Amino acid sequence: MDQARILIVDDEPNVRLVIERTLVPEGYVVDTAASGDEALRRLRQSPYDLLLLDLQMEPMSGTEVLQALRAENADLGVIILTAHGTLDSAVTALRLGAFDYLFKPASPGVIRERVREALAKRQQVKQGRRILTQAETLRQMLSELEPETKEPAAGDHRFLRSGKLTVDRHHRSATYGGRELDLTTAEFDMLICLVEAAPETVPPSHLVKGALGYEVEHAEARKTAKWYIHHLRQKVEPDPARPHHILTVRHRGYLWHG
């Protein structure tokens, strides 16, 4: 396995030095950044597996760095570095996708343990996504081998329309504002689930069942649906960073807004 690459972002030199000296002997490739701007530059220049990010920095806070990062890279593991007084901000960061948070100053043993856990979790998620991608490829290959479906009988609803979106169930194609959408089989089925249910919210388990054809536990369904929704937004939304059509309903699922 390649050496994991870690970026430490903190405006306190002593904190950067202590964490770097803690992690380098573990065999990690470690870089540091003294500000949010420098961190974003490094992240755009080189791939990293894990980010250790201080929340209280100026002029760009750690929360702002995380928000900018998530708009570009949904996969990078993040551990928040925080003082006790900024716990609320740390919880906000967790909602933005951070893996965990550490109170400063953290002991070397705790730092090493959290880093190992975060990297293991990231590897697990990547492996799961590889399996899903392989399953989707196989699903598409089998779909192409199936005989062409018959024309819908009279009275069947071939077209599904919502705002600028038009879905052709027969040809399994979709257009948005006249532009054809390049959707995978699972993405198309997930879009159908959302639009047909609108304006009702669709739970992640229903989306996974409708799009992939099998049932999974709630936690796995949330991760799987989130991954597909992320890619579906890239193809459907005019501005994926500020979704207008595929909305997240906290603790419930997703809904389509035409």
C-alpha atoms as a PDB file:
ATOM      1  CA  MET A   1       0.000   0.000   0.000  1.00  0.00           C
ATOM      2  CA  ASP A   2       1.280   3.482  -0.825  1.00  0.00           C
ATOM      3  CA  GLN A   3       2.266   5.785   2.005  1.00  0.00           C
ATOM      4  CA  ALA A   4      -0.658   7.871   3.216  1.00  0.00           C
ATOM      5  CA  ARG A   5      -0.261  11.605   2.560  1.00  0.00           C
ATOM      6  CA  ILE A   6      -1.340  13.907   5.388  1.00  0.00           C
ATOM      7  CA  LEU A   7      -1.649  17.712   5.456  1.00  0.00           C
ATOM      8  CA  ILE A   8      -1.550  19.540   8.811  1.00  0.00           C
ATOM      9  CA  VAL A   9      -3.188  22.985   8.760  1.00  0.00           C
ATOM     10  CA  ASP A  10      -2.688  25.203  11.825  1.00  0.00           C
ATOM     11  CA  ASP A  11      -1.490  28.787  12.287  1.00  0.00           C
ATOM     12  CA  GLU A  12       0.484  27.809  15.417  1.00  0.00           C
ATOM     13  CA  PRO A  13       4.015  26.624  14.459  1.00  0.00           C
ATOM     14  CA  ASN A  14       4.413  24.568  17.646  1.00  0.00           C
ATOM     15  CA  VAL A  15       1.212  22.618  16.945  1.00  0.00           C
ATOM     16  CA  ARG A  16       2.307  21.856  13.389  1.00  0.00           C
ATOM     17  CA  LEU A  17       5.715  20.725  14.607  1.00  0.00           C
ATOM     18  CA  VAL A  18       4.391  18.452  17.361  1.00  0.00           C
ATOM     19  CA  ILE A  19       1.875  16.714  15.099  1.00  0.00           C
ATOM     20  CA  GLU A  20       4.417  16.358  12.282  1.00  0.00           C
ATOM     21  CA  ARG A  21       6.956  14.753  14.651  1.00  0.00           C
ATOM     22  CA  THR A  22       4.203  12.454  15.932  1.00  0.00           C
ATOM     23  CA  LEU A  23       3.166  11.196  12.489  1.00  0.00           C
ATOM     24  CA  VAL A  24       6.375  11.056  10.419  1.00  0.00           C
ATOM     25  CA  PRO A  25       7.824   8.105  12.415  1.00  0.00           C
ATOM     26  CA  GLU A  26       4.622   6.187  11.600  1.00  0.00           C
ATOM     27  CA  GLY A  27       5.627   6.176   7.923  1.00  0.00           C
ATOM     28  CA  TYR A  28       3.230   8.857   6.685  1.00  0.00           C
ATOM     29  CA  VAL A  29       4.182  11.552   4.178  1.00  0.00           C
ATOM     30  CA  VAL A  30       3.418  14.755   6.088  1.00  0.00           C
ATOM     31  CA  ASP A  31       3.143  18.337   4.821  1.00  0.00           C
ATOM     32  CA  THR A  32       2.076  21.447   6.714  1.00  0.00           C
ATOM     33  CA  ALA A  33       0.265  24.700   5.964  1.00  0.00           C
ATOM     34  CA  ALA A  34       0.074  27.815   8.156  1.00  0.00           C
ATOM     35  CA  SER A  35      -3.190  29.224   6.778  1.00  0.00           C
ATOM     36  CA  GLY A  36      -6.410  28.268   5.040  1.00  0.00           C
ATOM     37  CA  ASP A  37      -5.299  29.840   1.762  1.00  0.00           C
ATOM     38  CA  GLU A  38      -2.043  27.880   1.788  1.00  0.00           C
ATOM     39  CA  ALA A  39      -3.945  24.681   2.599  1.00  0.00           C
ATOM     40  CA  LEU A  40      -6.302  25.079  -0.356  1.00  0.00           C
ATOM     41  CA  ARG A  41      -3.358  25.755  -2.680  1.00  0.00           C
ATOM     42  CA  ARG A  42      -1.623  22.581  -1.529  1.00  0.00           C
ATOM     43  CA  LEU A  43      -4.814  20.540  -1.811  1.00  0.00           C
ATOM     44  CA  ARG A  44      -5.292  21.694  -5.403  1.00  0.00           C
ATOM     45  CA  GLN A  45      -1.684  20.894  -6.290  1.00  0.00           C
ATOM     46  CA  SER A  46      -1.284  17.449  -4.698  1.00  0.00           C
ATOM     47  CA  PRO A  47      -3.558  14.569  -3.617  1.00  0.00           C
ATOM     48  CA  TYR A  48      -3.866  13.928   0.124  1.00  0.00           C
ATOM     49  CA  ASP A  49      -5.540  11.167   2.101  1.00  0.00           C
ATOM     50  CA  LEU A  50      -6.148  13.066   5.328  1.00  0.00           C
ATOM     51  CA  LEU A  51      -6.357  16.672   6.525  1.00  0.00           C
ATOM     52  CA  LEU A  52      -5.787  17.758  10.139  1.00  0.00           C
ATOM     53  CA  LEU A  53      -7.474  21.154  10.245  1.00  0.00           C
ATOM     54  CA  ASP A  54      -7.469  23.874  12.912  1.00  0.00           C
ATOM     55  CA  LEU A  55     -10.782  25.716  13.238  1.00  0.00           C
ATOM     56  CA  GLN A  56      -9.595  29.029  14.673  1.00  0.00           C
ATOM     57  CA  MET A  57      -7.499  30.643  11.944  1.00  0.00           C
ATOM     58  CA  GLU A  58      -7.471  34.058  10.320  1.00  0.00           C
ATOM     59  CA  PRO A  59      -8.420  35.378   7.842  1.00  0.00           C
ATOM     60  CA  MET A  60      -9.922  32.077   6.601  1.00  0.00           C
ATOM     61  CA  SER A  61     -11.316  29.857   9.349  1.00  0.00           C
ATOM     62  CA  GLY A  62     -11.123  26.093   9.342  1.00  0.00           C
ATOM     63  CA  THR A  63     -14.868  25.873   8.728  1.00  0.00           C
ATOM     64  CA  GLU A  64     -14.496  28.025   5.606  1.00  0.00           C
ATOM     65  CA  VAL A  65     -11.644  25.814   4.415  1.00  0.00           C
ATOM     66  CA  LEU A  66     -13.811  22.725   4.909  1.00  0.00           C
ATOM     67  CA  GLN A  67     -16.738  24.283   3.025  1.00  0.00           C
ATOM     68  CA  ALA A  68     -14.483  25.205   0.098  1.00  0.00           C
ATOM     69  CA  LEU A  69     -12.902  21.756   0.167  1.00  0.00           C
ATOM     70  CA  ARG A  70     -16.201  19.879   0.090  1.00  0.00           C
ATOM     71  CA  ALA A  71     -17.261  21.800  -3.016  1.00  0.00           C
ATOM     72  CA  GLU A  72     -14.222  20.317  -4.802  1.00  0.00           C
ATOM     73  CA  ASN A  73     -13.331  17.072  -3.021  1.00  0.00           C
ATOM     74  CA  ALA A  74     -15.980  14.996  -1.270  1.00  0.00           C
ATOM     75  CA  ASP A  75     -13.610  12.112  -0.458  1.00  0.00           C
ATOM     76  CA  LEU A  76     -10.772  13.625   1.585  1.00  0.00           C
ATOM     77  CA  GLY A  77     -10.704  12.539   5.235  1.00  0.00           C
ATOM     78  CA  VAL A  78     -10.695  15.420   7.742  1.00  0.00           C
ATOM     79  CA  ILE A  79      -9.891  15.567  11.461  1.00  0.00           C
ATOM     80  CA  ILE A  80     -10.692  18.863  13.171  1.00  0.00           C
ATOM     81  CA  LEU A  81      -8.266  20.426  15.672  1.00  0.00           C
ATOM     82  CA  THR A  82     -10.182  22.504  18.214  1.00  0.00           C
ATOM     83  CA  ALA A  83     -10.016  24.114  21.629  1.00  0.00           C
ATOM     84  CA  HIS A  84     -12.702  23.301  24.192  1.00  0.00           C
ATOM     85  CA  GLY A  85     -14.329  26.684  23.582  1.00  0.00           C
ATOM     86  CA  THR A  86     -14.980  25.917  19.926  1.00  0.00           C
ATOM     87  CA  LEU A  87     -16.783  22.597  20.389  1.00  0.00           C
ATOM     88  CA  ASP A  88     -19.935  23.926  18.725  1.00  0.00           C
ATOM     89  CA  SER A  89     -17.890  24.782  15.645  1.00  0.00           C
ATOM     90  CA  ALA A  90     -16.375  21.312  15.711  1.00  0.00           C
ATOM     91  CA  VAL A  91     -19.864  19.774  15.680  1.00  0.00           C
ATOM     92  CA  THR A  92     -20.716  21.998  12.703  1.00  0.00           C
ATOM     93  CA  ALA A  93     -17.586  20.687  10.970  1.00  0.00           C
ATOM     94  CA  LEU A  94     -18.715  17.112  11.606  1.00  0.00           C
ATOM     95  CA  ARG A  95     -21.968  17.926   9.828  1.00  0.00           C
ATOM     96  CA  LEU A  96     -19.870  19.099   6.866  1.00  0.00           C
ATOM     97  CA  GLY A  97     -18.277  15.667   6.655  1.00  0.00           C
ATOM     98  CA  ALA A  98     -15.297  15.769   9.049  1.00  0.00           C
ATOM     99  CA  PHE A  99     -14.392  12.327  10.443  1.00  0.00           C
ATOM    100  CA  ASP A 100     -13.660  13.398  14.021  1.00  0.00           C
ATOM    101  CA  TYR A 101     -12.222  16.196  16.139  1.00  0.00           C
ATOM    102  CA  LEU A 102      -9.320  16.471  18.578  1.00  0.00           C
ATOM    103  CA  PHE A 103      -9.063  18.863  21.513  1.00  0.00           C
ATOM    104  CA  LYS A 104      -5.768  20.737  21.588  1.00  0.00           C
ATOM    105  CA  PRO A 105      -3.319  19.844  22.952  1.00  0.00           C
ATOM    106  CA  ALA A 106      -3.859  16.162  22.138  1.00  0.00           C
ATOM    107  CA  SER A 107      -1.403  13.495  23.240  1.00  0.00           C
ATOM    108  CA  PRO A 108       0.738  11.800  20.553  1.00  0.00           C
ATOM    109  CA  GLY A 109      -0.950   8.483  21.274  1.00  0.00           C
ATOM    110  CA  VAL A 110      -4.429   9.913  20.713  1.00  0.00           C
ATOM    111  CA  ILE A 111      -3.302  11.659  17.510  1.00  0.00           C
ATOM    112  CA  ARG A 112      -1.840   8.451  16.080  1.00  0.00           C
ATOM    113  CA  GLU A 113      -4.964   6.471  17.001  1.00  0.00           C
ATOM    114  CA  ARG A 114      -7.387   8.971  15.411  1.00  0.00           C
ATOM    115  CA  VAL A 115      -5.263   9.190  12.259  1.00  0.00           C
ATOM    116  CA  ARG A 116      -5.188   5.392  11.891  1.00  0.00           C
ATOM    117  CA  GLU A 117      -8.963   5.222  12.343  1.00  0.00           C
ATOM    118  CA  ALA A 118      -9.616   8.033   9.837  1.00  0.00           C
ATOM    119  CA  LEU A 119      -7.369   6.476   7.194  1.00  0.00           C
ATOM    120  CA  ALA A 120      -8.932   3.037   7.725  1.00  0.00           C
ATOM    121  CA  LYS A 121     -12.414   4.538   7.387  1.00  0.00           C
ATOM    122  CA  ARG A 122     -11.454   6.353   4.180  1.00  0.00           C
ATOM    123  CA  GLN A 123     -10.008   3.139   2.721  1.00  0.00           C
ATOM    124  CA  GLN A 124     -13.219   1.293   3.614  1.00  0.00           C
ATOM    125  CA  VAL A 125     -15.362   3.923   1.884  1.00  0.00           C
ATOM    126  CA  LYS A 126     -13.141   3.886  -1.223  1.00  0.00           C
ATOM    127  CA  GLN A 127     -13.354   0.093  -1.405  1.00  0.00           C
ATOM    128  CA  GLY A 128     -17.133   0.239  -1.072  1.00  0.00           C
ATOM    129  CA  ARG A 129     -17.366   2.749  -3.893  1.00  0.00           C
ATOM    130  CA  ARG A 130     -15.154   0.596  -6.118  1.00  0.00           C
ATOM    131  CA  ILE A 131     -17.517  -2.320  -5.531  1.00  0.00           C
ATOM    132  CA  LEU A 132     -20.540  -0.139  -6.326  1.00  0.00           C
ATOM    133  CA  THR A 133     -18.882   1.099  -9.514  1.00  0.00           C
ATOM    134  CA  GLN A 134     -18.124  -2.461 -10.599  1.00  0.00           C
ATOM    135  CA  ALA A 135     -21.701  -3.501  -9.816  1.00  0.00           C
ATOM    136  CA  GLU A 136     -23.038  -0.550 -11.821  1.00  0.00           C
ATOM    137  CA  THR A 137     -20.820  -1.452 -14.805  1.00  0.00           C
ATOM    138  CA  LEU A 138     -22.063  -5.046 -14.697  1.00  0.00           C
ATOM    139  CA  ARG A 139     -25.653  -3.848 -14.384  1.00  0.00           C
ATOM    140  CA  GLN A 140     -25.279  -1.683 -17.486  1.00  0.00           C
ATOM    141  CA  MET A 141     -23.674  -4.527 -19.457  1.00  0.00           C
ATOM    142  CA  LEU A 142     -26.550  -6.866 -18.563  1.00  0.00           C
ATOM    143  CA  SER A 143     -29.084  -4.154 -19.406  1.00  0.00           C
ATOM    144  CA  GLU A 144     -27.554  -3.745 -22.869  1.00  0.00           C
ATOM    145  CA  LEU A 145     -27.842  -7.501 -23.458  1.00  0.00           C
ATOM    146  CA  GLU A 146     -31.562  -7.513 -22.688  1.00  0.00           C
ATOM    147  CA  PRO A 147     -33.946  -7.380 -25.668  1.00  0.00           C
ATOM    148  CA  GLU A 148     -35.392  -3.985 -26.435  1.00  0.00           C
ATOM    149  CA  THR A 149     -38.562  -3.301 -24.476  1.00  0.00           C
ATOM    150  CA  LYS A 150     -41.841  -2.987 -26.285  1.00  0.00           C
ATOM    151  CA  GLU A 151     -43.520   0.339 -26.919  1.00  0.00           C
ATOM    152  CA  PRO A 152     -45.647   1.374 -23.963  1.00  0.00           C
ATOM    153  CA  ALA A 153     -49.276   0.426 -24.319  1.00  0.00           C
ATOM    154  CA  ALA A 154     -51.880   3.126 -24.799  1.00  0.00           C
ATOM    155  CA  GLY A 155     -52.552   4.881 -21.521  1.00  0.00           C
ATOM    156  CA  ASP A 156     -49.029   4.276 -20.166  1.00  0.00           C
ATOM    157  CA  HIS A 157     -47.179   7.412 -19.133  1.00  0.00           C
ATOM    158  CA  ARG A 158     -44.034   7.359 -21.222  1.00  0.00           C
ATOM    159  CA  PHE A 159     -42.862  10.890 -20.430  1.00  0.00           C
ATOM    160  CA  LEU A 160     -42.308  12.397 -17.016  1.00  0.00           C
ATOM    161  CA  ARG A 161     -41.940  16.187 -16.900  1.00  0.00           C
ATOM    162  CA  SER A 162     -40.990  18.519 -14.069  1.00  0.00           C
ATOM    163  CA  GLY A 163     -39.931  22.075 -14.830  1.00  0.00           C
ATOM    164  CA  LYS A 164     -37.038  21.940 -17.310  1.00  0.00           C
ATOM    165  CA  LEU A 165     -36.633  18.183 -16.842  1.00  0.00           C
ATOM    166  CA  THR A 166     -38.155  15.652 -19.251  1.00  0.00           C
ATOM    167  CA  VAL A 167     -37.739  11.910 -18.689  1.00  0.00           C
ATOM    168  CA  ASP A 168     -38.484   9.341 -21.391  1.00  0.00           C
ATOM    169  CA  ARG A 169     -39.195   6.080 -19.583  1.00  0.00           C
ATOM    170  CA  HIS A 170     -39.306   4.065 -22.823  1.00  0.00           C
ATOM    171  CA  HIS A 171     -35.885   5.099 -24.130  1.00  0.00           C
ATOM    172  CA  ARG A 172     -34.539   5.578 -20.598  1.00  0.00           C
ATOM    173  CA  SER A 173     -33.233   9.034 -21.379  1.00  0.00           C
ATOM    174  CA  ALA A 174     -33.563  12.433 -19.728  1.00  0.00           C
ATOM    175  CA  THR A 175     -33.074  16.025 -20.839  1.00  0.00           C
ATOM    176  CA  TYR A 176     -32.786  19.233 -18.856  1.00  0.00           C
ATOM    177  CA  GLY A 177     -33.597  22.447 -20.701  1.00  0.00           C
ATOM    178  CA  GLY A 178     -33.172  20.571 -23.978  1.00  0.00           C
ATOM    179  CA  ARG A 179     -29.728  19.232 -22.964  1.00  0.00           C
ATOM    180  CA  GLU A 180     -29.437  15.439 -22.815  1.00  0.00           C
ATOM    181  CA  LEU A 181     -28.168  14.154 -19.481  1.00  0.00           C
ATOM    182  CA  ASP A 182     -25.437  11.512 -19.508  1.00  0.00           C
ATOM    183  CA  LEU A 183     -26.831   9.291 -16.738  1.00  0.00           C
ATOM    184  CA  THR A 184     -25.804   5.820 -15.644  1.00  0.00           C
ATOM    185  CA  THR A 185     -28.512   3.190 -15.209  1.00  0.00           C
ATOM    186  CA  ALA A 186     -28.596   3.643 -11.426  1.00  0.00           C
ATOM    187  CA  GLU A 187     -28.578   7.450 -11.682  1.00  0.00           C
ATOM    188  CA  PHE A 188     -31.517   7.333 -14.113  1.00  0.00           C
ATOM    189  CA  ASP A 189     -33.504   5.030 -11.820  1.00  0.00           C
ATOM    190  CA  MET A 190     -32.717   7.203  -8.788  1.00  0.00           C
ATOM    191  CA  LEU A 191     -33.861  10.308 -10.666  1.00  0.00           C
ATOM    192  CA  ILE A 192     -37.122   8.530 -11.561  1.00  0.00           C
ATOM    193  CA  CYS A 193     -37.660   7.653  -7.878  1.00  0.00           C
ATOM    194  CA  LEU A 194     -37.206  11.270  -6.847  1.00  0.00           C
ATOM    195  CA  VAL A 195     -39.347  12.868  -9.556  1.00  0.00           C
ATOM    196  CA  GLU A 196     -42.201  10.356  -9.243  1.00  0.00           C
ATOM    197  CA  ALA A 197     -42.351  10.866  -5.475  1.00  0.00           C
ATOM    198  CA  ALA A 198     -42.211  14.684  -5.603  1.00  0.00           C
ATOM    199  CA  PRO A 199     -43.016  16.646  -3.544  1.00  0.00           C
ATOM    200  CA  GLU A 200     -42.625  13.840  -0.984  1.00  0.00           C
ATOM    201  CA  THR A 201     -39.259  13.031   0.586  1.00  0.00           C
ATOM    202  CA  VAL A 202     -37.683   9.705  -0.428  1.00  0.00           C
ATOM    203  CA  PRO A 203     -35.685   7.868   2.299  1.00  0.00           C
ATOM    204  CA  PRO A 204     -32.183   6.632   1.349  1.00  0.00           C
ATOM    205  CA  SER A 205     -33.253   2.982   1.688  1.00  0.00           C
ATOM    206  CA  HIS A 206     -36.042   3.500  -0.880  1.00  0.00           C
ATOM    207  CA  LEU A 207     -33.645   5.226  -3.275  1.00  0.00           C
ATOM    208  CA  VAL A 208     -31.129   2.389  -3.058  1.00  0.00           C
ATOM    209  CA  LYS A 209     -33.862  -0.225  -3.480  1.00  0.00           C
ATOM    210  CA  GLY A 210     -35.358   1.601  -6.472  1.00  0.00           C
ATOM    211  CA  ALA A 211     -32.057   2.404  -8.175  1.00  0.00           C
ATOM    212  CA  LEU A 212     -29.963  -0.690  -7.439  1.00  0.00           C
ATOM    213  CA  GLY A 213     -32.632  -3.298  -6.781  1.00  0.00           C
ATOM    214  CA  TYR A 214     -31.515  -4.526  -3.365  1.00  0.00           C
ATOM    215  CA  GLU A 215     -31.993  -3.659   0.291  1.00  0.00           C
ATOM    216  CA  VAL A 216     -29.248  -2.579   2.686  1.00  0.00           C
ATOM    217  CA  GLU A 217     -29.082  -1.448   6.290  1.00  0.00           C
ATOM    218  CA  HIS A 218     -29.936   2.178   7.058  1.00  0.00           C
ATOM    219  CA  ALA A 219     -26.344   3.367   7.585  1.00  0.00           C
ATOM    220  CA  GLU A 220     -25.140   1.756   4.362  1.00  0.00           C
ATOM    221  CA  ALA A 221     -28.171   3.098   2.479  1.00  0.00           C
ATOM    222  CA  ARG A 222     -27.344   6.650   3.611  1.00  0.00           C
ATOM    223  CA  LYS A 223     -23.738   6.381   2.386  1.00  0.00           C
ATOM    224  CA  THR A 224     -24.739   4.776  -0.915  1.00  0.00           C
ATOM    225  CA  ALA A 225     -27.536   7.256  -1.638  1.00  0.00           C
ATOM    226  CA  LYS A 226     -25.290  10.197  -0.713  1.00  0.00           C
ATOM    227  CA  TRP A 227     -22.670   9.046  -3.224  1.00  0.00           C
ATOM    228  CA  TYR A 228     -25.173   8.678  -6.063  1.00  0.00           C
ATOM    229  CA  ILE A 229     -26.950  11.936  -5.204  1.00  0.00           C
ATOM    230  CA  HIS A 230     -23.607  13.758  -5.304  1.00  0.00           C
ATOM    231  CA  HIS A 231     -22.925  12.528  -8.847  1.00  0.00           C
ATOM    232  CA  LEU A 232     -26.530  13.062  -9.955  1.00  0.00           C
ATOM    233  CA  ARG A 233     -26.360  16.692  -8.830  1.00  0.00           C
ATOM    234  CA  GLN A 234     -23.245  17.214 -10.941  1.00  0.00           C
ATOM    235  CA  LYS A 235     -25.278  16.283 -14.026  1.00  0.00           C
ATOM    236  CA  VAL A 236     -28.677  17.795 -13.242  1.00  0.00           C
ATOM    237  CA  GLU A 237     -28.117  20.907 -11.136  1.00  0.00           C
ATOM    238  CA  PRO A 238     -27.147  24.199 -12.823  1.00  0.00           C
ATOM    239  CA  ASP A 239     -24.988  24.852  -9.725  1.00  0.00           C
ATOM    240  CA  PRO A 240     -24.223  21.557  -7.905  1.00  0.00           C
ATOM    241  CA  ALA A 241     -22.725  23.429  -4.923  1.00  0.00           C
ATOM    242  CA  ARG A 242     -26.119  25.090  -4.360  1.00  0.00           C
ATOM    243  CA  PRO A 243     -28.660  22.438  -5.369  1.00  0.00           C
ATOM    244  CA  HIS A 244     -32.057  23.726  -6.444  1.00  0.00           C
ATOM    245  CA  HIS A 245     -33.738  20.536  -7.637  1.00  0.00           C
ATOM    246  CA  ILE A 246     -32.370  17.655  -5.518  1.00  0.00           C
ATOM    247  CA  LEU A 247     -32.771  18.831  -1.935  1.00  0.00           C
ATOM    248  CA  THR A 248     -31.573  17.180   1.258  1.00  0.00           C
ATOM    249  CA  VAL A 249     -34.170  16.829   4.015  1.00  0.00           C
ATOM    250  CA  ARG A 250     -32.229  16.334   7.224  1.00  0.00           C
ATOM    251  CA  HIS A 251     -32.697  12.935   8.899  1.00  0.00           C
ATOM    252  CA  ARG A 252     -35.301  11.952   6.264  1.00  0.00           C
ATOM    253  CA  GLY A 253     -33.776  11.704   2.784  1.00  0.00           C
ATOM    254  CA  TYR A 254     -33.999  13.639  -0.485  1.00  0.00           C
ATOM    255  CA  LEU A 255     -36.747  15.302  -2.500  1.00  0.00           C
ATOM    256  CA  TRP A 256     -37.122  16.614  -6.019  1.00  0.00           C
ATOM    257  CA  HIS A 257     -38.105  20.252  -6.486  1.00  0.00           C
ATOM    258  CA  GLY A 258     -39.037  20.988 -10.112  1.00  0.00           C
END
